Amino acid sequence: MTTYPYTYLAAFMNPGFQQTVVNQALRQAAKGGGPAKQRLEKAVRAAGISAPGFRPGKMPLQQMAKPLVTPVNRSSQVSPFSANEDIAAPVFALWLEAQAELRAGVVEFLTGKGMPFSETLADEGFASTMPVSEMDALAKELGAPDDSEQYDNTALMLVLLTGRAPVYEEEETAAEEEADTTPEG
């Protein structure tokens, strides 16, 4: 079975929504943040992320949003948020804390549907997948209009609470076929 890390989810998101999620997570960290804030600060220092006017490892979290989602070089789509699991996991944990109202609504929805969920993030990432079509249908059932920030937030909350990484149907089929041909040992 393939385990999908939180960096997979970060890379799956469009860049504008990545920025929104990071901004909301850092605002939550500024309010307190607890262990997730501490993990993020430690990961940022270890990664040596900096910005003009700040030494690496000495940048306050409030100044981190742009450096976390900026590609590491001009020809890359990879940013520290989408490449570093030690950064992505606490960002998503802080984002969950920041979205208490949405989380409560999605928990109620999932409970009503009898779908399994967890209100805390698994340390190891996602152990299973959710086809994008299923994620879309669930988000729409929750009342989120297509191509809106509400849709993005709802879909992300569904993914994080169910612990299922979003995949396009072609990717899901390829993973299943690979699992069928892998010898058991």
N, C-alpha and C. Protein backbone atom coordinates (compact mmCIF):
# COMPACT_ATOMS: atom_id res chain seq x y z
N MET A 1 0.84 -1.18 0.00
CA MET A 1 0.00 0.00 0.00
C MET A 1 0.89 1.24 0.00
N THR A 2 0.54 2.20 -0.82
CA THR A 2 1.27 3.45 -0.90
C THR A 2 0.79 4.40 0.19
N THR A 3 1.71 5.03 0.89
CA THR A 3 1.36 6.08 1.84
C THR A 3 1.67 7.41 1.18
N TYR A 4 0.72 8.32 1.21
CA TYR A 4 0.89 9.63 0.60
C TYR A 4 1.23 10.63 1.70
N PRO A 5 2.35 11.33 1.59
CA PRO A 5 2.74 12.30 2.62
C PRO A 5 1.95 13.61 2.45
N TYR A 6 2.06 14.46 3.45
CA TYR A 6 1.38 15.76 3.39
C TYR A 6 1.96 16.64 2.30
N THR A 7 3.22 16.41 1.91
CA THR A 7 3.79 17.18 0.81
C THR A 7 3.08 16.86 -0.50
N TYR A 8 2.59 15.63 -0.63
CA TYR A 8 1.80 15.26 -1.81
C TYR A 8 0.56 16.16 -1.89
N LEU A 9 -0.11 16.33 -0.76
CA LEU A 9 -1.31 17.17 -0.73
C LEU A 9 -0.95 18.63 -1.03
N ALA A 10 0.14 19.11 -0.45
CA ALA A 10 0.56 20.50 -0.70
C ALA A 10 0.83 20.72 -2.18
N ALA A 11 1.49 19.77 -2.82
CA ALA A 11 1.79 19.89 -4.25
C ALA A 11 0.53 19.75 -5.10
N PHE A 12 -0.47 19.05 -4.60
CA PHE A 12 -1.73 18.82 -5.31
C PHE A 12 -2.54 20.13 -5.40
N MET A 13 -2.35 21.01 -4.43
CA MET A 13 -3.13 22.25 -4.34
C MET A 13 -2.62 23.29 -5.33
N ASN A 14 -3.52 24.17 -5.78
CA ASN A 14 -3.06 25.25 -6.66
C ASN A 14 -2.29 26.27 -5.83
N PRO A 15 -1.34 26.98 -6.45
CA PRO A 15 -0.46 27.90 -5.71
C PRO A 15 -1.20 28.98 -4.91
N GLY A 16 -2.27 29.51 -5.46
CA GLY A 16 -3.03 30.53 -4.74
C GLY A 16 -3.64 29.99 -3.46
N PHE A 17 -4.16 28.77 -3.53
CA PHE A 17 -4.75 28.17 -2.33
C PHE A 17 -3.66 27.76 -1.34
N GLN A 18 -2.50 27.33 -1.84
CA GLN A 18 -1.37 27.05 -0.94
C GLN A 18 -1.08 28.28 -0.08
N GLN A 19 -1.00 29.43 -0.73
CA GLN A 19 -0.71 30.68 -0.02
C GLN A 19 -1.77 30.97 1.03
N THR A 20 -3.04 30.77 0.69
CA THR A 20 -4.13 31.00 1.64
C THR A 20 -4.01 30.08 2.85
N VAL A 21 -3.75 28.80 2.61
CA VAL A 21 -3.63 27.83 3.70
C VAL A 21 -2.46 28.19 4.62
N VAL A 22 -1.33 28.51 4.03
CA VAL A 22 -0.16 28.88 4.83
C VAL A 22 -0.44 30.14 5.64
N ASN A 23 -1.05 31.15 5.02
CA ASN A 23 -1.39 32.38 5.74
C ASN A 23 -2.29 32.09 6.94
N GLN A 24 -3.33 31.29 6.73
CA GLN A 24 -4.26 30.98 7.81
C GLN A 24 -3.56 30.18 8.91
N ALA A 25 -2.69 29.26 8.53
CA ALA A 25 -1.95 28.46 9.51
C ALA A 25 -1.03 29.34 10.34
N LEU A 26 -0.35 30.27 9.70
CA LEU A 26 0.57 31.14 10.43
C LEU A 26 -0.17 32.12 11.34
N ARG A 27 -1.35 32.57 10.93
CA ARG A 27 -2.17 33.40 11.82
C ARG A 27 -2.57 32.60 13.05
N GLN A 28 -2.90 31.32 12.85
CA GLN A 28 -3.25 30.45 13.98
C GLN A 28 -2.04 30.26 14.89
N ALA A 29 -0.87 30.09 14.30
CA ALA A 29 0.36 29.93 15.09
C ALA A 29 0.63 31.16 15.94
N ALA A 30 0.33 32.34 15.39
CA ALA A 30 0.55 33.58 16.13
C ALA A 30 -0.38 33.68 17.34
N LYS A 31 -1.53 33.02 17.28
CA LYS A 31 -2.48 33.02 18.41
C LYS A 31 -2.06 32.06 19.52
N GLY A 32 -1.15 31.17 19.22
CA GLY A 32 -0.72 30.17 20.21
C GLY A 32 -0.12 28.98 19.50
N GLY A 33 -0.96 28.16 18.92
CA GLY A 33 -0.48 27.08 18.07
C GLY A 33 0.06 25.84 18.75
N GLY A 34 0.57 25.93 19.95
CA GLY A 34 1.03 24.77 20.69
C GLY A 34 2.09 23.94 19.99
N PRO A 35 1.96 22.60 20.07
CA PRO A 35 2.97 21.70 19.51
C PRO A 35 3.17 21.86 18.00
N ALA A 36 2.10 22.11 17.26
CA ALA A 36 2.24 22.26 15.81
C ALA A 36 3.08 23.49 15.48
N LYS A 37 2.89 24.57 16.23
CA LYS A 37 3.70 25.77 16.02
C LYS A 37 5.17 25.47 16.31
N GLN A 38 5.44 24.76 17.40
CA GLN A 38 6.81 24.42 17.75
C GLN A 38 7.46 23.55 16.68
N ARG A 39 6.70 22.56 16.16
CA ARG A 39 7.23 21.70 15.10
C ARG A 39 7.54 22.50 13.84
N LEU A 40 6.66 23.44 13.51
CA LEU A 40 6.87 24.27 12.32
C LEU A 40 8.09 25.17 12.50
N GLU A 41 8.22 25.82 13.65
CA GLU A 41 9.38 26.68 13.89
C GLU A 41 10.67 25.88 13.78
N LYS A 42 10.69 24.69 14.35
CA LYS A 42 11.88 23.83 14.30
C LYS A 42 12.21 23.44 12.85
N ALA A 43 11.18 23.07 12.08
CA ALA A 43 11.39 22.66 10.68
C ALA A 43 11.88 23.83 9.83
N VAL A 44 11.34 25.02 10.06
CA VAL A 44 11.76 26.20 9.30
C VAL A 44 13.22 26.52 9.60
N ARG A 45 13.60 26.44 10.88
CA ARG A 45 15.01 26.69 11.24
C ARG A 45 15.91 25.64 10.58
N ALA A 46 15.51 24.37 10.65
CA ALA A 46 16.33 23.29 10.08
C ALA A 46 16.47 23.44 8.57
N ALA A 47 15.43 23.94 7.91
CA ALA A 47 15.47 24.11 6.45
C ALA A 47 16.25 25.35 6.04
N GLY A 48 16.54 26.24 6.99
CA GLY A 48 17.31 27.45 6.69
C GLY A 48 16.56 28.44 5.81
N ILE A 49 15.24 28.47 5.91
CA ILE A 49 14.44 29.37 5.09
C ILE A 49 14.61 30.79 5.62
N SER A 50 14.83 31.72 4.70
CA SER A 50 15.01 33.11 5.11
C SER A 50 14.36 34.05 4.11
N ALA A 51 14.44 35.33 4.44
CA ALA A 51 13.93 36.39 3.57
C ALA A 51 14.82 37.60 3.79
N PRO A 52 14.79 38.55 2.85
CA PRO A 52 15.62 39.75 3.01
C PRO A 52 15.37 40.40 4.37
N GLY A 53 16.45 40.72 5.04
CA GLY A 53 16.35 41.38 6.34
C GLY A 53 16.36 40.42 7.52
N PHE A 54 16.34 39.11 7.24
CA PHE A 54 16.34 38.12 8.32
C PHE A 54 17.43 37.09 8.06
N ARG A 55 18.11 36.68 9.12
CA ARG A 55 19.08 35.60 9.00
C ARG A 55 18.35 34.27 8.93
N PRO A 56 18.91 33.28 8.23
CA PRO A 56 18.27 31.96 8.21
C PRO A 56 18.05 31.45 9.63
N GLY A 57 16.85 30.94 9.87
CA GLY A 57 16.49 30.40 11.17
C GLY A 57 16.07 31.45 12.18
N LYS A 58 16.14 32.73 11.83
CA LYS A 58 15.80 33.81 12.77
C LYS A 58 14.59 34.61 12.30
N MET A 59 13.86 34.07 11.36
CA MET A 59 12.73 34.78 10.79
C MET A 59 11.47 34.48 11.60
N PRO A 60 10.72 35.50 12.05
CA PRO A 60 9.50 35.21 12.80
C PRO A 60 8.46 34.54 11.90
N LEU A 61 7.66 33.65 12.48
CA LEU A 61 6.67 32.91 11.69
C LEU A 61 5.74 33.84 10.92
N GLN A 62 5.42 34.99 11.46
CA GLN A 62 4.51 35.90 10.76
C GLN A 62 5.07 36.35 9.41
N GLN A 63 6.38 36.26 9.23
CA GLN A 63 7.01 36.66 7.97
C GLN A 63 7.26 35.48 7.04
N MET A 64 6.81 34.28 7.41
CA MET A 64 7.15 33.06 6.68
C MET A 64 6.23 32.70 5.51
N ALA A 65 5.05 33.27 5.42
CA ALA A 65 4.06 32.82 4.44
C ALA A 65 4.62 32.79 3.01
N LYS A 66 5.16 33.90 2.56
CA LYS A 66 5.66 33.94 1.17
C LYS A 66 6.85 33.01 0.96
N PRO A 67 7.87 33.01 1.83
CA PRO A 67 8.99 32.08 1.61
C PRO A 67 8.57 30.60 1.61
N LEU A 68 7.53 30.25 2.36
CA LEU A 68 7.12 28.84 2.41
C LEU A 68 6.49 28.36 1.11
N VAL A 69 5.87 29.25 0.34
CA VAL A 69 5.21 28.82 -0.89
C VAL A 69 5.92 29.29 -2.15
N THR A 70 7.05 29.98 -2.01
CA THR A 70 7.82 30.42 -3.16
C THR A 70 8.64 29.25 -3.70
N PRO A 71 8.59 28.99 -5.00
CA PRO A 71 9.40 27.90 -5.57
C PRO A 71 10.87 28.07 -5.22
N VAL A 72 11.54 26.93 -5.03
CA VAL A 72 12.95 26.97 -4.60
C VAL A 72 13.87 27.51 -5.68
N ASN A 73 13.48 27.44 -6.95
CA ASN A 73 14.25 28.10 -8.02
C ASN A 73 13.29 28.45 -9.16
N ARG A 74 13.79 29.19 -10.12
CA ARG A 74 12.92 29.72 -11.19
C ARG A 74 12.25 28.65 -12.04
N SER A 75 12.89 27.52 -12.23
CA SER A 75 12.32 26.49 -13.11
C SER A 75 11.54 25.43 -12.34
N SER A 76 11.32 25.65 -11.06
CA SER A 76 10.69 24.65 -10.21
C SER A 76 9.29 25.06 -9.78
N GLN A 77 8.44 24.08 -9.60
CA GLN A 77 7.14 24.30 -8.98
C GLN A 77 7.20 23.95 -7.50
N VAL A 78 8.34 23.41 -7.07
CA VAL A 78 8.50 22.92 -5.71
C VAL A 78 8.81 24.07 -4.77
N SER A 79 8.07 24.14 -3.68
CA SER A 79 8.30 25.13 -2.64
C SER A 79 8.63 24.40 -1.34
N PRO A 80 9.15 25.09 -0.33
CA PRO A 80 9.40 24.40 0.94
C PRO A 80 8.14 23.72 1.49
N PHE A 81 6.98 24.32 1.32
CA PHE A 81 5.72 23.75 1.80
C PHE A 81 5.40 22.45 1.08
N SER A 82 5.67 22.37 -0.22
CA SER A 82 5.33 21.16 -0.98
C SER A 82 6.47 20.16 -1.06
N ALA A 83 7.63 20.47 -0.48
CA ALA A 83 8.77 19.56 -0.56
C ALA A 83 9.25 19.04 0.78
N ASN A 84 8.84 19.68 1.88
CA ASN A 84 9.38 19.34 3.19
C ASN A 84 8.24 18.86 4.10
N GLU A 85 8.21 17.57 4.37
CA GLU A 85 7.15 16.97 5.20
C GLU A 85 7.12 17.59 6.59
N ASP A 86 8.28 17.96 7.12
CA ASP A 86 8.34 18.55 8.45
C ASP A 86 7.71 19.94 8.48
N ILE A 87 7.57 20.57 7.33
CA ILE A 87 6.89 21.86 7.23
C ILE A 87 5.42 21.64 6.89
N ALA A 88 5.12 20.79 5.93
CA ALA A 88 3.74 20.60 5.47
C ALA A 88 2.82 20.07 6.58
N ALA A 89 3.27 19.08 7.33
CA ALA A 89 2.40 18.48 8.36
C ALA A 89 1.95 19.49 9.42
N PRO A 90 2.86 20.28 10.02
CA PRO A 90 2.36 21.24 11.01
C PRO A 90 1.55 22.38 10.39
N VAL A 91 1.83 22.74 9.14
CA VAL A 91 1.00 23.76 8.49
C VAL A 91 -0.44 23.26 8.39
N PHE A 92 -0.63 22.01 7.96
CA PHE A 92 -1.99 21.48 7.87
C PHE A 92 -2.62 21.35 9.26
N ALA A 93 -1.85 20.97 10.27
CA ALA A 93 -2.39 20.87 11.63
C ALA A 93 -2.85 22.24 12.13
N LEU A 94 -2.06 23.27 11.88
CA LEU A 94 -2.43 24.62 12.29
C LEU A 94 -3.64 25.12 11.50
N TRP A 95 -3.70 24.78 10.21
CA TRP A 95 -4.85 25.18 9.40
C TRP A 95 -6.12 24.54 9.95
N LEU A 96 -6.05 23.26 10.34
CA LEU A 96 -7.21 22.59 10.94
C LEU A 96 -7.68 23.33 12.18
N GLU A 97 -6.74 23.74 13.03
CA GLU A 97 -7.09 24.50 14.24
C GLU A 97 -7.77 25.82 13.88
N ALA A 98 -7.29 26.47 12.83
CA ALA A 98 -7.82 27.77 12.42
C ALA A 98 -9.23 27.66 11.83
N GLN A 99 -9.61 26.50 11.37
CA GLN A 99 -10.89 26.31 10.70
C GLN A 99 -11.90 25.57 11.59
N ALA A 100 -12.01 25.97 12.84
CA ALA A 100 -12.85 25.26 13.82
C ALA A 100 -14.31 25.15 13.37
N GLU A 101 -14.87 26.22 12.83
CA GLU A 101 -16.28 26.20 12.42
C GLU A 101 -16.50 25.25 11.25
N LEU A 102 -15.65 25.34 10.24
CA LEU A 102 -15.75 24.44 9.09
C LEU A 102 -15.53 23.00 9.53
N ARG A 103 -14.54 22.78 10.39
CA ARG A 103 -14.26 21.42 10.87
C ARG A 103 -15.48 20.84 11.57
N ALA A 104 -16.15 21.62 12.42
CA ALA A 104 -17.34 21.13 13.12
C ALA A 104 -18.44 20.75 12.13
N GLY A 105 -18.64 21.55 11.09
CA GLY A 105 -19.65 21.25 10.08
C GLY A 105 -19.33 19.99 9.29
N VAL A 106 -18.07 19.81 8.93
CA VAL A 106 -17.67 18.63 8.17
C VAL A 106 -17.72 17.39 9.05
N VAL A 107 -17.34 17.51 10.32
CA VAL A 107 -17.44 16.37 11.25
C VAL A 107 -18.90 15.93 11.38
N GLU A 108 -19.80 16.89 11.52
CA GLU A 108 -21.23 16.57 11.61
C GLU A 108 -21.70 15.87 10.34
N PHE A 109 -21.28 16.37 9.19
CA PHE A 109 -21.64 15.78 7.90
C PHE A 109 -21.12 14.35 7.79
N LEU A 110 -19.83 14.14 8.10
CA LEU A 110 -19.24 12.81 8.00
C LEU A 110 -19.88 11.84 8.99
N THR A 111 -20.20 12.32 10.18
CA THR A 111 -20.87 11.49 11.18
C THR A 111 -22.23 11.06 10.66
N GLY A 112 -22.97 11.99 10.08
CA GLY A 112 -24.29 11.70 9.52
C GLY A 112 -24.24 10.70 8.38
N LYS A 113 -23.17 10.71 7.62
CA LYS A 113 -23.02 9.77 6.50
C LYS A 113 -22.41 8.44 6.96
N GLY A 114 -21.99 8.37 8.22
CA GLY A 114 -21.37 7.15 8.73
C GLY A 114 -19.99 6.90 8.17
N MET A 115 -19.33 7.97 7.74
CA MET A 115 -17.98 7.85 7.17
C MET A 115 -16.94 7.97 8.28
N PRO A 116 -15.90 7.13 8.25
CA PRO A 116 -14.85 7.23 9.28
C PRO A 116 -14.02 8.51 9.10
N PHE A 117 -13.60 9.08 10.22
CA PHE A 117 -12.77 10.28 10.19
C PHE A 117 -11.99 10.39 11.49
N SER A 118 -11.01 11.26 11.48
CA SER A 118 -10.24 11.58 12.68
C SER A 118 -10.06 13.09 12.71
N GLU A 119 -10.20 13.68 13.88
CA GLU A 119 -10.03 15.14 13.98
C GLU A 119 -8.58 15.55 14.17
N THR A 120 -7.68 14.57 14.23
CA THR A 120 -6.26 14.87 14.32
C THR A 120 -5.56 14.26 13.11
N LEU A 121 -4.47 14.86 12.70
CA LEU A 121 -3.73 14.37 11.55
C LEU A 121 -2.85 13.18 11.95
N ALA A 122 -2.82 12.19 11.09
CA ALA A 122 -1.93 11.05 11.30
C ALA A 122 -0.49 11.49 11.05
N ASP A 123 0.43 11.07 11.89
CA ASP A 123 1.83 11.46 11.73
C ASP A 123 2.42 11.00 10.41
N GLU A 124 1.97 9.85 9.91
CA GLU A 124 2.58 9.27 8.72
C GLU A 124 1.93 9.71 7.40
N GLY A 125 0.94 10.58 7.43
CA GLY A 125 0.30 11.03 6.20
C GLY A 125 -0.96 10.25 5.91
N PHE A 126 -1.23 10.03 4.63
CA PHE A 126 -2.47 9.39 4.20
C PHE A 126 -2.23 7.93 3.84
N ALA A 127 -3.01 7.04 4.44
CA ALA A 127 -2.86 5.61 4.17
C ALA A 127 -3.76 5.14 3.03
N SER A 128 -4.72 5.96 2.64
CA SER A 128 -5.60 5.58 1.53
C SER A 128 -5.89 6.81 0.68
N THR A 129 -6.67 6.62 -0.37
CA THR A 129 -6.93 7.70 -1.32
C THR A 129 -8.43 7.95 -1.47
N MET A 130 -8.73 9.11 -2.04
CA MET A 130 -10.09 9.51 -2.37
C MET A 130 -10.08 10.05 -3.79
N PRO A 131 -10.79 9.40 -4.70
CA PRO A 131 -10.84 9.94 -6.06
C PRO A 131 -11.39 11.38 -6.04
N VAL A 132 -10.84 12.22 -6.88
CA VAL A 132 -11.26 13.62 -6.94
C VAL A 132 -12.76 13.73 -7.18
N SER A 133 -13.32 12.83 -7.97
CA SER A 133 -14.77 12.88 -8.23
C SER A 133 -15.57 12.68 -6.94
N GLU A 134 -15.10 11.79 -6.07
CA GLU A 134 -15.77 11.59 -4.78
C GLU A 134 -15.62 12.82 -3.89
N MET A 135 -14.42 13.39 -3.86
CA MET A 135 -14.17 14.60 -3.08
C MET A 135 -15.08 15.73 -3.58
N ASP A 136 -15.20 15.88 -4.90
CA ASP A 136 -16.07 16.90 -5.49
C ASP A 136 -17.51 16.69 -5.07
N ALA A 137 -17.99 15.45 -5.16
CA ALA A 137 -19.38 15.15 -4.82
C ALA A 137 -19.66 15.45 -3.35
N LEU A 138 -18.74 15.08 -2.47
CA LEU A 138 -18.93 15.34 -1.04
C LEU A 138 -18.91 16.84 -0.75
N ALA A 139 -17.99 17.57 -1.37
CA ALA A 139 -17.92 19.01 -1.17
C ALA A 139 -19.19 19.70 -1.65
N LYS A 140 -19.72 19.25 -2.78
CA LYS A 140 -20.96 19.83 -3.30
C LYS A 140 -22.13 19.49 -2.40
N GLU A 141 -22.14 18.27 -1.86
CA GLU A 141 -23.19 17.87 -0.93
C GLU A 141 -23.17 18.75 0.32
N LEU A 142 -21.99 19.22 0.68
CA LEU A 142 -21.84 20.13 1.82
C LEU A 142 -22.20 21.57 1.44
N GLY A 143 -22.52 21.82 0.17
CA GLY A 143 -22.96 23.13 -0.27
C GLY A 143 -21.87 24.04 -0.78
N ALA A 144 -20.70 23.52 -1.06
CA ALA A 144 -19.60 24.35 -1.55
C ALA A 144 -19.69 24.50 -3.07
N PRO A 145 -19.82 25.74 -3.56
CA PRO A 145 -19.88 25.95 -5.02
C PRO A 145 -18.53 25.68 -5.68
N ASP A 146 -18.57 25.18 -6.92
CA ASP A 146 -17.34 24.91 -7.69
C ASP A 146 -16.49 26.17 -7.79
N ASP A 147 -15.18 25.96 -7.93
CA ASP A 147 -14.23 27.04 -8.18
C ASP A 147 -14.39 28.22 -7.23
N SER A 148 -14.49 27.92 -5.95
CA SER A 148 -14.59 28.98 -4.96
C SER A 148 -13.66 28.66 -3.80
N GLU A 149 -13.35 29.67 -3.01
CA GLU A 149 -12.52 29.43 -1.82
C GLU A 149 -13.24 28.51 -0.85
N GLN A 150 -14.57 28.63 -0.78
CA GLN A 150 -15.35 27.75 0.09
C GLN A 150 -15.20 26.29 -0.37
N TYR A 151 -15.20 26.06 -1.67
CA TYR A 151 -15.00 24.70 -2.19
C TYR A 151 -13.62 24.18 -1.79
N ASP A 152 -12.57 25.00 -2.03
CA ASP A 152 -11.22 24.58 -1.70
C ASP A 152 -11.08 24.24 -0.22
N ASN A 153 -11.61 25.09 0.64
CA ASN A 153 -11.55 24.85 2.08
C ASN A 153 -12.30 23.59 2.47
N THR A 154 -13.49 23.40 1.91
CA THR A 154 -14.30 22.23 2.22
C THR A 154 -13.62 20.95 1.75
N ALA A 155 -13.11 20.96 0.53
CA ALA A 155 -12.44 19.78 -0.01
C ALA A 155 -11.20 19.44 0.82
N LEU A 156 -10.42 20.45 1.19
CA LEU A 156 -9.23 20.20 2.01
C LEU A 156 -9.63 19.63 3.37
N MET A 157 -10.68 20.17 3.97
CA MET A 157 -11.12 19.66 5.26
C MET A 157 -11.57 18.20 5.13
N LEU A 158 -12.29 17.87 4.07
CA LEU A 158 -12.71 16.48 3.85
C LEU A 158 -11.49 15.55 3.75
N VAL A 159 -10.50 15.97 3.00
CA VAL A 159 -9.30 15.16 2.81
C VAL A 159 -8.58 14.95 4.14
N LEU A 160 -8.38 16.04 4.88
CA LEU A 160 -7.63 15.94 6.14
C LEU A 160 -8.37 15.12 7.19
N LEU A 161 -9.68 15.31 7.30
CA LEU A 161 -10.43 14.58 8.33
C LEU A 161 -10.62 13.11 7.99
N THR A 162 -10.78 12.79 6.70
CA THR A 162 -10.96 11.39 6.33
C THR A 162 -9.62 10.66 6.23
N GLY A 163 -8.52 11.42 6.15
CA GLY A 163 -7.21 10.80 6.04
C GLY A 163 -6.98 10.11 4.71
N ARG A 164 -7.64 10.63 3.66
CA ARG A 164 -7.54 10.03 2.33
C ARG A 164 -7.01 11.07 1.36
N ALA A 165 -5.88 10.76 0.73
CA ALA A 165 -5.24 11.67 -0.21
C ALA A 165 -6.06 11.76 -1.50
N PRO A 166 -6.24 12.97 -2.03
CA PRO A 166 -6.98 13.09 -3.29
C PRO A 166 -6.15 12.57 -4.46
N VAL A 167 -6.77 11.82 -5.32
CA VAL A 167 -6.09 11.33 -6.53
C VAL A 167 -7.05 11.43 -7.70
N TYR A 168 -6.47 11.68 -8.87
CA TYR A 168 -7.26 11.63 -10.08
C TYR A 168 -7.52 10.17 -10.39
N GLU A 169 -8.63 9.87 -10.99
CA GLU A 169 -9.04 8.49 -11.22
C GLU A 169 -7.99 7.67 -11.95
N GLU A 170 -7.28 8.28 -12.92
CA GLU A 170 -6.24 7.55 -13.65
C GLU A 170 -5.13 7.11 -12.70
N GLU A 171 -4.76 7.98 -11.77
CA GLU A 171 -3.71 7.67 -10.80
C GLU A 171 -4.15 6.54 -9.87
N GLU A 172 -5.40 6.58 -9.47
CA GLU A 172 -5.96 5.54 -8.60
C GLU A 172 -5.92 4.18 -9.30
N THR A 173 -6.32 4.14 -10.57
CA THR A 173 -6.32 2.90 -11.33
C THR A 173 -4.90 2.36 -11.49
N ALA A 174 -3.94 3.23 -11.79
CA ALA A 174 -2.55 2.81 -11.95
C ALA A 174 -1.99 2.26 -10.65
N ALA A 175 -2.32 2.87 -9.52
CA ALA A 175 -1.85 2.39 -8.21
C ALA A 175 -2.45 1.02 -7.89
N GLU A 176 -3.73 0.83 -8.21
CA GLU A 176 -4.37 -0.46 -7.96
C GLU A 176 -3.75 -1.55 -8.82
N GLU A 177 -3.47 -1.24 -10.10
CA GLU A 177 -2.86 -2.22 -11.00
C GLU A 177 -1.45 -2.57 -10.51
N GLU A 178 -0.70 -1.59 -10.03
CA GLU A 178 0.64 -1.85 -9.51
C GLU A 178 0.56 -2.74 -8.26
N ALA A 179 -0.40 -2.49 -7.40
CA ALA A 179 -0.57 -3.31 -6.19
C ALA A 179 -0.93 -4.75 -6.56
N ASP A 180 -1.71 -4.94 -7.61
CA ASP A 180 -2.10 -6.28 -8.03
C ASP A 180 -0.92 -7.09 -8.58
N THR A 181 0.08 -6.40 -9.13
CA THR A 181 1.23 -7.11 -9.72
C THR A 181 2.41 -7.23 -8.77
N THR A 182 2.32 -6.57 -7.61
CA THR A 182 3.41 -6.65 -6.64
C THR A 182 3.36 -7.98 -5.93
N PRO A 183 4.46 -8.74 -5.94
CA PRO A 183 4.45 -10.04 -5.26
C PRO A 183 4.38 -9.86 -3.75
N GLU A 184 3.63 -10.75 -3.10
CA GLU A 184 3.52 -10.71 -1.64
C GLU A 184 4.74 -11.39 -1.06
N GLY A 185 5.19 -10.87 0.09
CA GLY A 185 6.40 -11.47 0.63
C GLY A 185 6.48 -11.51 2.07
